Protein backbone atom coordinates (compact mmCIF):
# COMPACT_ATOMS: atom_id res chain seq x y z
CA MET A 1 30.36 128.87 8.16
CA LYS A 2 29.69 130.52 10.86
CA ALA A 3 26.74 129.49 13.41
CA LYS A 4 25.39 130.69 17.25
CA VAL A 5 24.45 127.45 19.47
CA LEU A 6 21.02 126.82 20.06
CA GLY A 7 20.74 123.65 21.78
CA ILE A 8 22.83 120.68 22.69
CA GLN A 9 21.58 117.57 22.52
CA LYS A 10 23.86 114.17 23.49
CA VAL A 11 23.15 111.52 21.49
CA ASP A 12 23.91 108.08 22.67
CA TYR A 13 22.34 104.92 20.73
CA THR A 14 22.65 101.07 18.85
CA SER A 15 21.78 101.72 14.87
CA ARG A 16 19.27 99.65 13.76
CA LYS A 17 21.56 99.57 10.51
CA THR A 18 24.77 98.82 11.95
CA ASN A 19 24.11 97.04 15.68
CA LYS A 20 26.80 100.17 16.71
CA GLN A 21 26.54 102.73 19.87
CA VAL A 22 26.42 105.39 18.53
CA THR A 23 27.24 108.02 20.77
CA GLY A 24 28.66 112.27 20.26
CA VAL A 25 26.48 115.17 20.48
CA THR A 26 23.78 117.37 18.11
CA LEU A 27 24.46 121.04 18.49
CA HIS A 28 21.70 123.27 16.86
CA ILE A 29 22.53 125.72 15.61
CA SER A 30 21.35 128.70 13.26
CA TYR A 31 23.05 131.00 11.17
CA PRO A 32 22.68 133.50 8.34
CA SER A 33 21.62 132.61 5.02
CA ASN A 34 20.96 134.24 1.34
CA ASN A 35 17.83 132.07 1.02
CA VAL A 36 16.01 133.36 4.16
CA ASP A 37 14.67 135.80 4.94
CA GLY A 38 15.67 135.88 9.00
CA GLN A 39 18.53 132.77 9.89
CA ALA A 40 18.25 129.87 9.49
CA VAL A 41 18.29 126.58 11.32
CA GLU A 42 20.02 123.21 11.39
CA THR A 43 21.91 120.20 13.31
CA VAL A 44 25.09 118.92 13.43
CA PHE A 45 26.21 115.68 14.51
CA ILE A 46 29.53 115.54 16.27
CA SER A 47 30.41 112.18 16.49
CA GLU A 48 32.63 111.33 19.65
CA ARG A 49 34.56 109.34 17.57
CA SER A 50 36.18 112.11 15.38
CA ASN A 51 38.49 114.34 16.99
CA VAL A 52 36.29 117.36 17.40
CA SER A 53 36.93 119.26 20.36
CA LEU A 54 33.45 120.75 21.78
CA ASP A 55 35.59 123.05 24.77
CA GLY A 56 34.04 125.65 25.95
CA VAL A 57 31.02 125.21 23.23
CA GLY A 58 27.38 127.15 25.76
CA LEU A 59 24.90 128.24 24.10
CA GLU A 60 24.71 131.30 22.42
CA SER A 61 28.60 130.34 21.52
CA THR A 62 29.03 131.07 18.29
CA VAL A 63 31.27 128.82 16.94
CA GLU A 64 33.19 127.94 13.70
CA LEU A 65 32.57 124.42 11.35
CA SER A 66 33.98 123.78 9.01
CA TYR A 67 33.79 120.68 7.06
CA ASN A 68 35.22 116.69 4.89
CA ARG A 69 34.45 116.48 1.86
CA TRP A 70 31.46 113.65 3.48
CA GLY A 71 29.87 116.41 4.54
CA SER A 72 31.14 115.55 8.46
CA VAL A 73 32.31 118.03 10.84
CA ASP A 74 35.97 117.64 10.57
CA ASN A 75 36.68 121.14 13.27
CA LEU A 76 34.86 123.46 14.98
CA ALA A 77 36.17 126.77 16.61
CA ILE A 78 34.77 128.99 18.77
CA CYS A 79 34.56 132.80 17.81
CA LYS A 80 35.55 135.60 20.08
């Protein structure tokens, strides 16, 4: 899915469920959708533990996201 990065939010907290540290980045993105007039928006979390690189990703970047079978981002590429 191609999306435009509108915001980048650092995440660092202790989970109440697991009592483990959660670190990573939440990307606020927009993308075209058939069900929306204009752009759809959502947030995607990318864990620091994942192999997904955020090098070069900034505000207004256009990125290509792919997801694994559990719905987590497993690949991110910057579109030129």
